[in-house]
Amino acid sequence: MSHSLFTAPPRSNRLADLTAIILTFNEEKHIERCIRSASEVARCIFVIDSFSDDRTVAIAESFGARVRQHEFVNHAAQLDWALDNLPLNTEWVMRVDADEVITPTLAEQIRAKLPLAAKNVNGFLVCRYPTFMGTIIRHGGFPQWSLRLWRKGTAEIERRWMDEHMVLTTGESERLQGEYIDDNLNNITWWTNKHNGYATREAIDLLNRKYEFLPKLADAGKLTSQARLKRWLKDHFYLHLPLGLRAFLLFFYRMSLRLGFLDGMGGGFAFHFLQGFWYRFLADVKVREVERRMHSDNVDCVEAIKRELGIDPICATENNCKSA
């Protein structure tokens, strides 16, 4: 996972009327590549940094990005803060993760299609492929389509702890050819630590679906058809299966019915096992841990999450909140 499969292409002279927003924390391995890639299409690049203690900020500024610092709660809250507080002076806005690369095909599509977009088209869907241990993951539920470009003021982020999506509040969306490649250069120890944190957020999301302590989410009809189907299956099937067993069944589904085995027995199998089973099983264990705390301490779910996971889940809908 430490060797990049992709490099950013030379900068184009044709840029879209577009601002790119990149969220960072200790991304010195990725930020130069990401900014070079985003510079192929965006007139302005903002980096929203969560007080990195490495060279992320210095590198970002040296490559022309405008850096703002804001304390991190979760991805949804961070992006929501950016959309509310940045001086966005372009017609279009784009979200890019720090470890992502925009392929040349996608860059050309953005430059060509944004200026000619119909008035009723306020967003563009882009597909994403992750890499793992040198393997591009093309099966088992990938690629994933999501709204990554939108006209300023026409979209909002779902306020979720995990699996948040940008959704249009008005207008229609179209698909772009090309893709984002999620090519993280960190090692497997970093990856498992990161997904331990993700499992905590996923557990909060699972608990909220059961105990409903957060406000209702945006209308699912605004999501992509892929995200809508995934969420429907999760709500109507996955959540009703026993804890632990559902992680195993999801892994089997991804490897067999979604052809994950075609990604190979090296990085492909490792990815689908770790991301499709281990991570989901860990989230279920955290759910069970919180529910045991609810019963042992005779407290509600929110208080049990604070005591067991050290997080105030209500902060998902507030700004400037901190871990408990």
Protein backbone atom coordinates (compact mmCIF):
# COMPACT_ATOMS: atom_id res chain seq x y z
CA MET A 1 0.00 0.00 0.00
CA SER A 2 3.03 2.29 0.17
CA HIS A 3 3.73 2.59 -3.55
CA SER A 4 1.55 4.89 -5.63
CA LEU A 5 -0.07 3.42 -8.72
CA PHE A 6 -0.91 6.86 -10.03
CA THR A 7 0.75 10.22 -10.57
CA ALA A 8 -0.92 13.52 -11.33
CA PRO A 9 -0.76 14.62 -15.00
CA PRO A 10 0.73 17.93 -16.17
CA ARG A 11 -1.41 20.96 -15.37
CA SER A 12 -3.94 21.98 -18.03
CA ASN A 13 -4.46 25.54 -19.19
CA ARG A 14 -8.24 24.96 -19.38
CA LEU A 15 -9.80 25.12 -15.94
CA ALA A 16 -13.46 24.89 -14.96
CA ASP A 17 -15.22 27.53 -12.88
CA LEU A 18 -14.77 25.20 -9.96
CA THR A 19 -13.56 25.15 -6.34
CA ALA A 20 -12.12 21.91 -4.93
CA ILE A 21 -12.47 21.18 -1.20
CA ILE A 22 -10.01 18.72 0.37
CA LEU A 23 -10.30 17.56 4.00
CA THR A 24 -6.99 16.66 5.64
CA PHE A 25 -5.32 15.38 8.78
CA ASN A 26 -1.68 14.28 8.54
CA GLU A 27 -1.80 13.76 4.77
CA GLU A 28 1.78 14.69 3.88
CA LYS A 29 2.11 11.50 1.81
CA HIS A 30 -0.85 12.41 -0.37
CA ILE A 31 -1.53 16.13 -0.40
CA GLU A 32 0.91 17.18 -3.13
CA ARG A 33 -0.42 14.51 -5.50
CA CYS A 34 -4.02 15.42 -4.66
CA ILE A 35 -3.52 19.15 -5.20
CA ARG A 36 -1.70 18.58 -8.48
CA SER A 37 -4.58 16.38 -9.60
CA ALA A 38 -7.29 18.84 -8.54
CA SER A 39 -5.34 21.68 -10.17
CA GLU A 40 -6.08 20.03 -13.51
CA VAL A 41 -9.69 21.15 -13.25
CA ALA A 42 -10.22 23.63 -10.39
CA ARG A 43 -9.52 27.37 -10.34
CA CYS A 44 -9.42 27.41 -6.54
CA ILE A 45 -8.43 24.75 -4.01
CA PHE A 46 -9.26 24.88 -0.31
CA VAL A 47 -7.71 22.50 2.20
CA ILE A 48 -9.69 22.14 5.43
CA ASP A 49 -7.14 20.79 7.88
CA SER A 50 -7.84 19.28 11.30
CA PHE A 51 -4.66 20.65 12.94
CA SER A 52 -2.21 18.22 11.36
CA ASP A 53 1.09 17.73 13.19
CA ASP A 54 3.05 16.75 10.08
CA ARG A 55 3.94 18.77 6.94
CA THR A 56 0.46 18.70 5.40
CA VAL A 57 -0.24 22.42 5.77
CA ALA A 58 3.19 23.55 4.58
CA ILE A 59 3.01 21.32 1.50
CA ALA A 60 -0.54 22.41 0.69
CA GLU A 61 0.34 26.09 0.90
CA SER A 62 3.49 25.60 -1.17
CA PHE A 63 1.35 24.21 -4.00
CA GLY A 64 -1.09 27.10 -3.95
CA ALA A 65 -3.94 25.73 -1.85
CA ARG A 66 -5.76 28.02 0.57
CA VAL A 67 -5.69 26.37 4.01
CA ARG A 68 -8.27 26.73 6.76
CA GLN A 69 -8.08 25.00 10.15
CA HIS A 70 -11.15 23.49 11.81
CA GLU A 71 -11.48 20.87 14.54
CA PHE A 72 -12.69 17.51 13.21
CA VAL A 73 -15.83 15.80 14.52
CA ASN A 74 -16.77 13.71 11.50
CA HIS A 75 -16.59 14.08 7.72
CA ALA A 76 -20.15 15.36 7.41
CA ALA A 77 -19.69 18.09 10.01
CA GLN A 78 -16.33 19.11 8.52
CA LEU A 79 -17.66 19.45 4.98
CA ASP A 80 -20.79 21.20 6.23
CA TRP A 81 -18.58 23.74 8.00
CA ALA A 82 -16.58 24.26 4.82
CA LEU A 83 -19.67 24.89 2.70
CA ASP A 84 -21.01 27.37 5.27
CA ASN A 85 -17.78 29.28 5.91
CA LEU A 86 -15.54 29.27 2.83
CA PRO A 87 -15.65 32.19 0.36
CA LEU A 88 -16.82 30.09 -2.58
CA ASN A 89 -16.59 32.37 -5.62
CA THR A 90 -17.02 29.79 -8.38
CA GLU A 91 -20.18 28.39 -9.95
CA TRP A 92 -19.26 24.79 -9.13
CA VAL A 93 -17.89 22.99 -6.05
CA MET A 94 -16.08 19.64 -5.93
CA ARG A 95 -15.22 17.31 -3.05
CA VAL A 96 -11.92 15.41 -3.26
CA ASP A 97 -10.40 13.17 -0.59
CA ALA A 98 -6.72 13.74 0.11
CA ASP A 99 -5.72 10.24 -1.01
CA GLU A 100 -7.67 10.40 -4.27
CA VAL A 101 -6.43 11.02 -7.81
CA ILE A 102 -8.57 12.39 -10.64
CA THR A 103 -7.90 10.37 -13.79
CA PRO A 104 -7.15 12.22 -17.07
CA THR A 105 -10.46 11.02 -18.56
CA LEU A 106 -12.42 12.47 -15.65
CA ALA A 107 -10.44 15.72 -15.76
CA GLU A 108 -11.26 16.15 -19.45
CA GLN A 109 -14.93 15.40 -18.79
CA ILE A 110 -15.08 18.03 -16.05
CA ARG A 111 -13.45 20.69 -18.22
CA ALA A 112 -15.71 19.88 -21.17
CA LYS A 113 -19.08 19.33 -19.50
CA LEU A 114 -19.31 21.85 -16.68
CA PRO A 115 -19.41 24.94 -18.96
CA LEU A 116 -22.11 23.31 -21.13
CA ALA A 117 -24.31 21.89 -18.37
CA ALA A 118 -28.05 22.47 -18.84
CA LYS A 119 -29.67 24.84 -16.36
CA ASN A 120 -31.58 22.02 -14.69
CA VAL A 121 -28.37 19.98 -14.18
CA ASN A 122 -26.95 20.97 -10.81
CA GLY A 123 -24.71 18.01 -10.08
CA PHE A 124 -22.48 15.34 -11.56
CA LEU A 125 -22.00 11.78 -10.34
CA VAL A 126 -18.50 10.29 -10.40
CA CYS A 127 -17.40 6.71 -9.77
CA ARG A 128 -14.62 5.75 -7.37
CA TYR A 129 -12.31 2.74 -7.36
CA PRO A 130 -10.18 2.01 -4.27
CA THR A 131 -6.78 0.35 -4.37
CA PHE A 132 -5.45 -2.10 -1.79
CA MET A 133 -1.94 -3.58 -1.64
CA GLY A 134 -1.34 -2.69 -5.27
CA THR A 135 -4.68 -4.03 -6.54
CA ILE A 136 -7.44 -1.87 -8.02
CA ILE A 137 -10.72 -3.11 -6.51
CA ARG A 138 -13.21 -3.40 -9.38
CA HIS A 139 -15.76 -5.88 -7.99
CA GLY A 140 -17.61 -6.74 -4.80
CA GLY A 141 -19.75 -3.59 -4.94
CA PHE A 142 -17.29 -1.34 -6.75
CA PRO A 143 -17.11 1.10 -8.38
CA GLN A 144 -19.21 3.34 -6.17
CA TRP A 145 -21.06 6.30 -7.67
CA SER A 146 -21.63 9.50 -5.69
CA LEU A 147 -22.33 13.19 -6.15
CA ARG A 148 -18.91 14.84 -6.23
CA LEU A 149 -19.54 18.06 -8.20
CA TRP A 150 -22.47 20.43 -7.71
CA ARG A 151 -23.50 24.01 -8.38
CA LYS A 152 -22.84 26.18 -5.36
CA GLY A 153 -25.86 26.28 -3.08
CA THR A 154 -27.73 23.36 -4.66
CA ALA A 155 -26.52 20.45 -2.51
CA GLU A 156 -26.05 19.53 1.13
CA ILE A 157 -24.25 16.84 3.08
CA GLU A 158 -26.19 14.24 5.04
CA ARG A 159 -25.47 14.68 8.73
CA ARG A 160 -24.44 11.13 9.46
CA TRP A 161 -21.58 9.65 11.42
CA MET A 162 -20.78 7.24 8.59
CA ASP A 163 -21.58 6.71 4.90
CA GLU A 164 -22.58 10.33 4.42
CA HIS A 165 -23.55 11.50 0.92
CA MET A 166 -23.86 14.84 -0.81
CA VAL A 167 -27.46 15.18 -2.03
CA LEU A 168 -28.96 17.72 -4.40
CA THR A 169 -31.65 19.96 -2.91
CA THR A 170 -32.78 21.09 -6.36
CA GLY A 171 -32.21 20.12 -9.97
CA GLU A 172 -30.99 16.96 -11.68
CA SER A 173 -27.68 15.12 -11.92
CA GLU A 174 -25.73 13.46 -14.73
CA ARG A 175 -22.87 10.96 -14.81
CA LEU A 176 -19.32 11.74 -15.89
CA GLN A 177 -16.94 9.31 -17.54
CA GLY A 178 -13.62 8.65 -15.83
CA GLU A 179 -13.12 8.10 -12.13
CA TYR A 180 -11.53 8.98 -8.84
CA ILE A 181 -8.86 6.47 -7.77
CA ASP A 182 -8.62 6.14 -3.98
CA ASP A 183 -4.92 5.23 -3.78
CA ASN A 184 -3.82 5.41 -0.15
CA LEU A 185 -0.06 5.09 0.42
CA ASN A 186 -0.15 4.17 4.12
CA ASN A 187 0.50 0.66 5.45
CA ILE A 188 -1.92 -1.94 6.77
CA THR A 189 -1.38 -0.89 10.40
CA TRP A 190 -2.57 2.60 9.52
CA TRP A 191 -5.50 1.13 7.56
CA THR A 192 -6.70 -1.02 10.45
CA ASN A 193 -6.39 1.87 12.91
CA LYS A 194 -8.43 4.06 10.57
CA HIS A 195 -11.11 1.41 10.16
CA ASN A 196 -11.27 0.92 13.91
CA GLY A 197 -12.35 4.57 14.02
CA TYR A 198 -14.74 3.97 11.13
CA ALA A 199 -16.22 1.01 13.03
CA THR A 200 -16.98 3.32 15.95
CA ARG A 201 -18.82 5.72 13.63
CA GLU A 202 -20.60 2.85 11.90
CA ALA A 203 -21.70 1.55 15.31
CA ILE A 204 -23.18 4.96 16.15
CA ASP A 205 -25.03 4.95 12.84
CA LEU A 206 -26.35 1.42 13.44
CA LEU A 207 -27.47 2.36 16.95
CA ASN A 208 -29.20 5.47 15.65
CA ARG A 209 -31.18 3.40 13.15
CA LYS A 210 -32.44 1.30 16.06
CA TYR A 211 -32.92 3.95 18.78
CA GLU A 212 -33.46 7.07 16.60
CA PHE A 213 -31.66 9.65 18.74
CA LEU A 214 -30.61 11.85 15.78
CA PRO A 215 -32.83 13.91 13.43
CA LYS A 216 -34.26 12.16 10.40
CA LEU A 217 -31.98 12.04 7.36
CA ALA A 218 -32.52 13.67 4.00
CA ASP A 219 -35.02 12.07 1.63
CA ALA A 220 -33.38 8.93 0.26
CA GLY A 221 -34.90 9.76 -3.13
CA LYS A 222 -32.18 12.39 -3.56
CA LEU A 223 -29.43 9.78 -3.38
CA THR A 224 -27.91 7.98 -6.35
CA SER A 225 -29.78 4.84 -7.36
CA GLN A 226 -26.81 2.76 -6.16
CA ALA A 227 -26.75 4.44 -2.72
CA ARG A 228 -30.54 4.24 -2.48
CA LEU A 229 -30.53 0.48 -3.14
CA LYS A 230 -27.64 -0.08 -0.73
CA ARG A 231 -29.42 1.82 2.03
CA TRP A 232 -32.73 0.03 1.38
CA LEU A 233 -31.03 -3.36 1.65
CA LYS A 234 -29.29 -2.26 4.83
CA ASP A 235 -32.52 -1.00 6.42
CA HIS A 236 -34.76 -3.89 5.38
CA PHE A 237 -32.40 -6.87 5.56
CA TYR A 238 -28.95 -6.25 7.06
CA LEU A 239 -30.18 -4.51 10.22
CA HIS A 240 -32.62 -7.33 10.98
CA LEU A 241 -29.94 -10.04 10.92
CA PRO A 242 -28.15 -11.17 14.10
CA LEU A 243 -25.05 -9.20 15.10
CA GLY A 244 -21.91 -10.84 13.71
CA LEU A 245 -23.74 -13.17 11.34
CA ARG A 246 -24.65 -10.26 9.09
CA ALA A 247 -20.97 -9.38 8.62
CA PHE A 248 -20.23 -12.91 7.44
CA LEU A 249 -23.22 -12.88 5.05
CA LEU A 250 -22.15 -9.51 3.64
CA PHE A 251 -18.66 -10.85 2.98
CA PHE A 252 -20.11 -13.91 1.23
CA TYR A 253 -22.44 -11.68 -0.82
CA ARG A 254 -19.60 -9.41 -1.93
CA MET A 255 -17.21 -12.22 -2.76
CA SER A 256 -19.69 -14.43 -4.63
CA LEU A 257 -22.79 -12.63 -5.91
CA ARG A 258 -20.92 -9.35 -6.49
CA LEU A 259 -17.91 -11.18 -7.99
CA GLY A 260 -15.34 -9.96 -5.47
CA PHE A 261 -13.30 -13.10 -6.15
CA LEU A 262 -12.39 -11.61 -9.54
CA ASP A 263 -10.20 -9.07 -7.72
CA GLY A 264 -7.79 -11.92 -6.96
CA MET A 265 -6.53 -13.77 -3.92
CA GLY A 266 -3.91 -11.16 -3.03
CA GLY A 267 -4.93 -7.58 -2.34
CA GLY A 268 -8.46 -8.22 -3.57
CA PHE A 269 -9.29 -10.98 -1.08
CA ALA A 270 -7.55 -9.11 1.74
CA PHE A 271 -9.58 -5.98 1.02
CA HIS A 272 -12.96 -7.71 0.82
CA PHE A 273 -12.25 -9.75 3.97
CA LEU A 274 -11.03 -6.79 6.02
CA GLN A 275 -13.46 -4.17 4.71
CA GLY A 276 -16.45 -6.44 4.09
CA PHE A 277 -16.20 -8.73 7.14
CA TRP A 278 -13.68 -7.65 9.81
CA TYR A 279 -14.70 -3.97 9.84
CA ARG A 280 -18.44 -4.80 9.87
CA PHE A 281 -17.96 -7.43 12.59
CA LEU A 282 -16.00 -4.93 14.69
CA ALA A 283 -18.84 -2.40 14.34
CA ASP A 284 -21.29 -5.05 15.56
CA VAL A 285 -19.10 -5.79 18.58
CA LYS A 286 -19.12 -2.07 19.42
CA VAL A 287 -22.92 -2.02 19.10
CA ARG A 288 -23.15 -4.93 21.54
CA GLU A 289 -20.73 -3.15 23.88
CA VAL A 290 -22.89 -0.01 23.97
CA GLU A 291 -26.09 -2.00 24.53
CA ARG A 292 -24.47 -3.87 27.44
CA ARG A 293 -23.58 -0.48 28.94
CA MET A 294 -27.19 0.67 28.50
CA HIS A 295 -28.44 -2.30 30.50
CA SER A 296 -25.70 -2.38 33.15
CA ASP A 297 -25.88 1.37 33.89
CA ASN A 298 -29.60 1.77 33.15
CA VAL A 299 -28.97 4.70 30.79
CA ASP A 300 -30.23 5.63 27.35
CA CYS A 301 -28.30 4.98 24.15
CA VAL A 302 -26.75 8.45 23.85
CA GLU A 303 -25.36 8.32 27.38
CA ALA A 304 -24.08 4.77 26.85
CA ILE A 305 -22.26 5.87 23.69
CA LYS A 306 -20.63 8.70 25.63
CA ARG A 307 -19.48 6.34 28.38
CA GLU A 308 -18.37 3.41 26.21
CA LEU A 309 -17.10 5.07 23.01
CA GLY A 310 -16.13 8.46 24.41
CA ILE A 311 -18.17 10.35 21.81
CA ASP A 312 -21.21 12.61 22.05
CA PRO A 313 -23.28 11.40 19.06
CA ILE A 314 -25.52 14.46 19.08
CA CYS A 315 -22.52 16.39 17.76
CA ALA A 316 -23.29 14.93 14.33
CA THR A 317 -25.89 17.68 13.97
CA GLU A 318 -23.95 20.50 15.67
CA ASN A 319 -20.89 22.59 14.92
CA ASN A 320 -17.78 22.96 17.09
CA CYS A 321 -18.59 19.98 19.32
CA LYS A 322 -15.95 17.73 20.80
CA SER A 323 -15.58 14.14 21.90
CA ALA A 324 -16.98 13.44 25.34
